[in-house]
Amino acid sequence: MVNSFGYTCADKQKFWLYGVSLPVEIKYCDLDGRKYKSKQTIRIKDSEGFAGGIWQSSAN
């Protein structure tokens, strides 16, 4: 499956592994020196409208 960011596939030889969960921790501080931390899990999935790209047959 190809989208605006590249491709995902169930084939383990491809770049993204469909269905994989990736734990992500984001740390940053603002201009006043306050510190922030956020933890999230990102899951690799496909959808028709992902990243603003939509797949459809050409009318031509």
PDB file of N, CA and C in Angstrom:
ATOM      1  N   MET A   1       0.853  -1.177   0.000  1.00  0.00           N
ATOM      2  CA  MET A   1       0.000   0.000   0.000  1.00  0.00           C
ATOM      3  C   MET A   1       0.892   1.229   0.000  1.00  0.00           C
ATOM      4  N   VAL A   2       0.685   2.131  -0.903  1.00  0.00           N
ATOM      5  CA  VAL A   2       1.472   3.355  -1.014  1.00  0.00           C
ATOM      6  C   VAL A   2       0.618   4.531  -0.558  1.00  0.00           C
ATOM      7  N   ASN A   3       1.235   5.455   0.190  1.00  0.00           N
ATOM      8  CA  ASN A   3       0.521   6.675   0.584  1.00  0.00           C
ATOM      9  C   ASN A   3       1.473   7.859   0.496  1.00  0.00           C
ATOM     10  N   SER A   4       1.075   9.000   1.040  1.00  0.00           N
ATOM     11  CA  SER A   4       1.878  10.219   0.922  1.00  0.00           C
ATOM     12  C   SER A   4       3.232  10.129   1.619  1.00  0.00           C
ATOM     13  N   PHE A   5       3.378   9.206   2.580  1.00  0.00           N
ATOM     14  CA  PHE A   5       4.632   9.068   3.312  1.00  0.00           C
ATOM     15  C   PHE A   5       5.500   7.918   2.827  1.00  0.00           C
ATOM     16  N   GLY A   6       5.012   7.088   1.928  1.00  0.00           N
ATOM     17  CA  GLY A   6       5.790   5.938   1.490  1.00  0.00           C
ATOM     18  C   GLY A   6       4.878   4.739   1.342  1.00  0.00           C
ATOM     19  N   TYR A   7       5.245   3.600   1.934  1.00  0.00           N
ATOM     20  CA  TYR A   7       4.399   2.426   1.817  1.00  0.00           C
ATOM     21  C   TYR A   7       4.445   1.599   3.091  1.00  0.00           C
ATOM     22  N   THR A   8       3.375   0.845   3.312  1.00  0.00           N
ATOM     23  CA  THR A   8       3.326  -0.134   4.390  1.00  0.00           C
ATOM     24  C   THR A   8       2.949  -1.460   3.767  1.00  0.00           C
ATOM     25  N   CYS A   9       3.287  -2.538   4.444  1.00  0.00           N
ATOM     26  CA  CYS A   9       3.003  -3.844   3.874  1.00  0.00           C
ATOM     27  C   CYS A   9       3.108  -4.902   4.957  1.00  0.00           C
ATOM     28  N   ALA A  10       2.372  -5.986   4.807  1.00  0.00           N
ATOM     29  CA  ALA A  10       2.463  -7.103   5.735  1.00  0.00           C
ATOM     30  C   ALA A  10       3.742  -7.913   5.516  1.00  0.00           C
ATOM     31  N   ASP A  11       4.379  -7.741   4.367  1.00  0.00           N
ATOM     32  CA  ASP A  11       5.622  -8.435   4.043  1.00  0.00           C
ATOM     33  C   ASP A  11       6.746  -7.932   4.951  1.00  0.00           C
ATOM     34  N   LYS A  12       7.393  -8.820   5.699  1.00  0.00           N
ATOM     35  CA  LYS A  12       8.424  -8.422   6.663  1.00  0.00           C
ATOM     36  C   LYS A  12       9.680  -7.851   6.012  1.00  0.00           C
ATOM     37  N   GLN A  13       9.814  -7.958   4.692  1.00  0.00           N
ATOM     38  CA  GLN A  13      10.980  -7.420   4.003  1.00  0.00           C
ATOM     39  C   GLN A  13      10.814  -5.942   3.650  1.00  0.00           C
ATOM     40  N   LYS A  14       9.631  -5.389   3.840  1.00  0.00           N
ATOM     41  CA  LYS A  14       9.358  -3.993   3.482  1.00  0.00           C
ATOM     42  C   LYS A  14       9.775  -3.061   4.615  1.00  0.00           C
ATOM     43  N   PHE A  15       9.763  -1.745   4.342  1.00  0.00           N
ATOM     44  CA  PHE A  15      10.215  -0.726   5.291  1.00  0.00           C
ATOM     45  C   PHE A  15       9.355  -0.676   6.546  1.00  0.00           C
ATOM     46  N   TRP A  16       8.021  -0.529   6.397  1.00  0.00           N
ATOM     47  CA  TRP A  16       7.105  -0.495   7.539  1.00  0.00           C
ATOM     48  C   TRP A  16       6.514  -1.881   7.746  1.00  0.00           C
ATOM     49  N   LEU A  17       6.273  -2.272   8.978  1.00  0.00           N
ATOM     50  CA  LEU A  17       5.596  -3.528   9.281  1.00  0.00           C
ATOM     51  C   LEU A  17       4.181  -3.204   9.734  1.00  0.00           C
ATOM     52  N   TYR A  18       3.210  -3.563   8.919  1.00  0.00           N
ATOM     53  CA  TYR A  18       1.813  -3.263   9.199  1.00  0.00           C
ATOM     54  C   TYR A  18       1.391  -3.838  10.553  1.00  0.00           C
ATOM     55  N   GLY A  19       0.722  -3.024  11.376  1.00  0.00           N
ATOM     56  CA  GLY A  19       0.217  -3.469  12.671  1.00  0.00           C
ATOM     57  C   GLY A  19       1.189  -3.318  13.824  1.00  0.00           C
ATOM     58  N   VAL A  20       2.430  -2.927  13.558  1.00  0.00           N
ATOM     59  CA  VAL A  20       3.435  -2.779  14.613  1.00  0.00           C
ATOM     60  C   VAL A  20       3.102  -1.567  15.479  1.00  0.00           C
ATOM     61  N   SER A  21       3.311  -1.697  16.794  1.00  0.00           N
ATOM     62  CA  SER A  21       3.130  -0.582  17.723  1.00  0.00           C
ATOM     63  C   SER A  21       4.493  -0.050  18.136  1.00  0.00           C
ATOM     64  N   LEU A  22       4.653   1.272  18.099  1.00  0.00           N
ATOM     65  CA  LEU A  22       5.916   1.911  18.453  1.00  0.00           C
ATOM     66  C   LEU A  22       5.696   2.828  19.651  1.00  0.00           C
ATOM     67  N   PRO A  23       6.350   2.555  20.791  1.00  0.00           N
ATOM     68  CA  PRO A  23       6.228   3.474  21.925  1.00  0.00           C
ATOM     69  C   PRO A  23       7.065   4.727  21.659  1.00  0.00           C
ATOM     70  N   VAL A  24       6.473   5.894  21.897  1.00  0.00           N
ATOM     71  CA  VAL A  24       7.144   7.167  21.641  1.00  0.00           C
ATOM     72  C   VAL A  24       7.064   8.025  22.895  1.00  0.00           C
ATOM     73  N   GLU A  25       8.183   8.630  23.271  1.00  0.00           N
ATOM     74  CA  GLU A  25       8.206   9.575  24.382  1.00  0.00           C
ATOM     75  C   GLU A  25       8.757  10.896  23.858  1.00  0.00           C
ATOM     76  N   ILE A  26       7.998  11.957  24.057  1.00  0.00           N
ATOM     77  CA  ILE A  26       8.404  13.285  23.595  1.00  0.00           C
ATOM     78  C   ILE A  26       8.684  14.150  24.813  1.00  0.00           C
ATOM     79  N   LYS A  27       9.882  14.738  24.850  1.00  0.00           N
ATOM     80  CA  LYS A  27      10.263  15.649  25.932  1.00  0.00           C
ATOM     81  C   LYS A  27      10.654  16.985  25.317  1.00  0.00           C
ATOM     82  N   TYR A  28      10.183  18.063  25.915  1.00  0.00           N
ATOM     83  CA  TYR A  28      10.555  19.389  25.428  1.00  0.00           C
ATOM     84  C   TYR A  28      10.339  20.408  26.537  1.00  0.00           C
ATOM     85  N   CYS A  29      10.868  21.602  26.354  1.00  0.00           N
ATOM     86  CA  CYS A  29      10.620  22.689  27.301  1.00  0.00           C
ATOM     87  C   CYS A  29      10.238  23.938  26.519  1.00  0.00           C
ATOM     88  N   ASP A  30       9.417  24.792  27.162  1.00  0.00           N
ATOM     89  CA  ASP A  30       8.972  26.003  26.488  1.00  0.00           C
ATOM     90  C   ASP A  30       9.964  27.141  26.723  1.00  0.00           C
ATOM     91  N   LEU A  31       9.645  28.313  26.208  1.00  0.00           N
ATOM     92  CA  LEU A  31      10.555  29.460  26.307  1.00  0.00           C
ATOM     93  C   LEU A  31      10.733  29.958  27.742  1.00  0.00           C
ATOM     94  N   ASP A  32       9.816  29.591  28.635  1.00  0.00           N
ATOM     95  CA  ASP A  32       9.932  29.974  30.046  1.00  0.00           C
ATOM     96  C   ASP A  32      10.648  28.914  30.874  1.00  0.00           C
ATOM     97  N   GLY A  33      11.126  27.851  30.238  1.00  0.00           N
ATOM     98  CA  GLY A  33      11.878  26.811  30.923  1.00  0.00           C
ATOM     99  C   GLY A  33      11.031  25.701  31.523  1.00  0.00           C
ATOM    100  N   ARG A  34       9.707  25.736  31.331  1.00  0.00           N
ATOM    101  CA  ARG A  34       8.856  24.655  31.834  1.00  0.00           C
ATOM    102  C   ARG A  34       9.090  23.403  30.994  1.00  0.00           C
ATOM    103  N   LYS A  35       9.174  22.268  31.668  1.00  0.00           N
ATOM    104  CA  LYS A  35       9.455  21.006  30.982  1.00  0.00           C
ATOM    105  C   LYS A  35       8.176  20.198  30.813  1.00  0.00           C
ATOM    106  N   TYR A  36       8.096  19.513  29.684  1.00  0.00           N
ATOM    107  CA  TYR A  36       6.932  18.697  29.367  1.00  0.00           C
ATOM    108  C   TYR A  36       7.397  17.331  28.880  1.00  0.00           C
ATOM    109  N   LYS A  37       6.573  16.318  29.170  1.00  0.00           N
ATOM    110  CA  LYS A  37       6.863  14.963  28.702  1.00  0.00           C
ATOM    111  C   LYS A  37       5.534  14.297  28.362  1.00  0.00           C
ATOM    112  N   SER A  38       5.498  13.621  27.238  1.00  0.00           N
ATOM    113  CA  SER A  38       4.298  12.928  26.797  1.00  0.00           C
ATOM    114  C   SER A  38       4.687  11.559  26.253  1.00  0.00           C
ATOM    115  N   LYS A  39       3.926  10.541  26.644  1.00  0.00           N
ATOM    116  CA  LYS A  39       4.147   9.186  26.133  1.00  0.00           C
ATOM    117  C   LYS A  39       2.930   8.768  25.328  1.00  0.00           C
ATOM    118  N   GLN A  40       3.187   8.219  24.137  1.00  0.00           N
ATOM    119  CA  GLN A  40       2.123   7.730  23.271  1.00  0.00           C
ATOM    120  C   GLN A  40       2.611   6.484  22.551  1.00  0.00           C
ATOM    121  N   THR A  41       1.670   5.712  22.064  1.00  0.00           N
ATOM    122  CA  THR A  41       1.996   4.558  21.237  1.00  0.00           C
ATOM    123  C   THR A  41       1.445   4.818  19.842  1.00  0.00           C
ATOM    124  N   ILE A  42       2.300   4.682  18.844  1.00  0.00           N
ATOM    125  CA  ILE A  42       1.906   4.862  17.449  1.00  0.00           C
ATOM    126  C   ILE A  42       1.778   3.481  16.821  1.00  0.00           C
ATOM    127  N   ARG A  43       0.693   3.263  16.096  1.00  0.00           N
ATOM    128  CA  ARG A  43       0.482   1.980  15.436  1.00  0.00           C
ATOM    129  C   ARG A  43       0.477   2.181  13.923  1.00  0.00           C
ATOM    130  N   ILE A  44       1.209   1.339  13.208  1.00  0.00           N
ATOM    131  CA  ILE A  44       1.302   1.427  11.751  1.00  0.00           C
ATOM    132  C   ILE A  44       0.064   0.781  11.128  1.00  0.00           C
ATOM    133  N   LYS A  45      -0.742   1.606  10.440  1.00  0.00           N
ATOM    134  CA  LYS A  45      -1.948   1.125   9.760  1.00  0.00           C
ATOM    135  C   LYS A  45      -2.129   1.909   8.468  1.00  0.00           C
ATOM    136  N   ASP A  46      -2.887   1.362   7.555  1.00  0.00           N
ATOM    137  CA  ASP A  46      -3.235   2.034   6.303  1.00  0.00           C
ATOM    138  C   ASP A  46      -4.692   2.465   6.352  1.00  0.00           C
ATOM    139  N   SER A  47      -4.996   3.525   5.643  1.00  0.00           N
ATOM    140  CA  SER A  47      -6.385   3.922   5.415  1.00  0.00           C
ATOM    141  C   SER A  47      -6.443   4.692   4.105  1.00  0.00           C
ATOM    142  N   GLU A  48      -7.611   4.774   3.512  1.00  0.00           N
ATOM    143  CA  GLU A  48      -7.737   5.436   2.210  1.00  0.00           C
ATOM    144  C   GLU A  48      -7.309   6.890   2.240  1.00  0.00           C
ATOM    145  N   GLY A  49      -7.624   7.600   3.314  1.00  0.00           N
ATOM    146  CA  GLY A  49      -7.340   9.027   3.355  1.00  0.00           C
ATOM    147  C   GLY A  49      -6.142   9.394   4.195  1.00  0.00           C
ATOM    148  N   PHE A  50      -5.271   8.472   4.541  1.00  0.00           N
ATOM    149  CA  PHE A  50      -4.125   8.741   5.403  1.00  0.00           C
ATOM    150  C   PHE A  50      -3.215   9.807   4.806  1.00  0.00           C
ATOM    151  N   ALA A  51      -2.816  10.762   5.591  1.00  0.00           N
ATOM    152  CA  ALA A  51      -1.859  11.809   5.201  1.00  0.00           C
ATOM    153  C   ALA A  51      -2.342  12.648   4.023  1.00  0.00           C
ATOM    154  N   GLY A  52      -3.644  12.744   3.867  1.00  0.00           N
ATOM    155  CA  GLY A  52      -4.177  13.587   2.803  1.00  0.00           C
ATOM    156  C   GLY A  52      -4.154  12.958   1.431  1.00  0.00           C
ATOM    157  N   GLY A  53      -3.651  11.741   1.313  1.00  0.00           N
ATOM    158  CA  GLY A  53      -3.627  11.070   0.017  1.00  0.00           C
ATOM    159  C   GLY A  53      -4.807  10.122  -0.098  1.00  0.00           C
ATOM    160  N   ILE A  54      -5.506  10.168  -1.201  1.00  0.00           N
ATOM    161  CA  ILE A  54      -6.629   9.255  -1.411  1.00  0.00           C
ATOM    162  C   ILE A  54      -6.393   8.513  -2.714  1.00  0.00           C
ATOM    163  N   TRP A  55      -6.612   7.198  -2.693  1.00  0.00           N
ATOM    164  CA  TRP A  55      -6.375   6.359  -3.846  1.00  0.00           C
ATOM    165  C   TRP A  55      -7.695   6.083  -4.542  1.00  0.00           C
ATOM    166  N   GLN A  56      -7.728   6.346  -5.810  1.00  0.00           N
ATOM    167  CA  GLN A  56      -8.919   6.039  -6.590  1.00  0.00           C
ATOM    168  C   GLN A  56      -8.533   5.877  -8.049  1.00  0.00           C
ATOM    169  N   SER A  57      -9.397   5.224  -8.805  1.00  0.00           N
ATOM    170  CA  SER A  57      -9.146   5.029 -10.232  1.00  0.00           C
ATOM    171  C   SER A  57      -9.340   6.334 -10.980  1.00  0.00           C
ATOM    172  N   SER A  58      -8.531   6.530 -11.993  1.00  0.00           N
ATOM    173  CA  SER A  58      -8.656   7.708 -12.842  1.00  0.00           C
ATOM    174  C   SER A  58      -9.896   7.580 -13.723  1.00  0.00           C
ATOM    175  N   ALA A  59     -10.576   8.696 -13.942  1.00  0.00           N
ATOM    176  CA  ALA A  59     -11.765   8.686 -14.801  1.00  0.00           C
ATOM    177  C   ALA A  59     -11.385   8.622 -16.277  1.00  0.00           C
ATOM    178  N   ASN A  60     -10.115   8.839 -16.601  1.00  0.00           N
ATOM    179  CA  ASN A  60      -9.662   8.845 -18.004  1.00  0.00           C
ATOM    180  C   ASN A  60      -9.375   7.466 -18.500  1.00  0.00           C
TER     181      ASN A  60
END
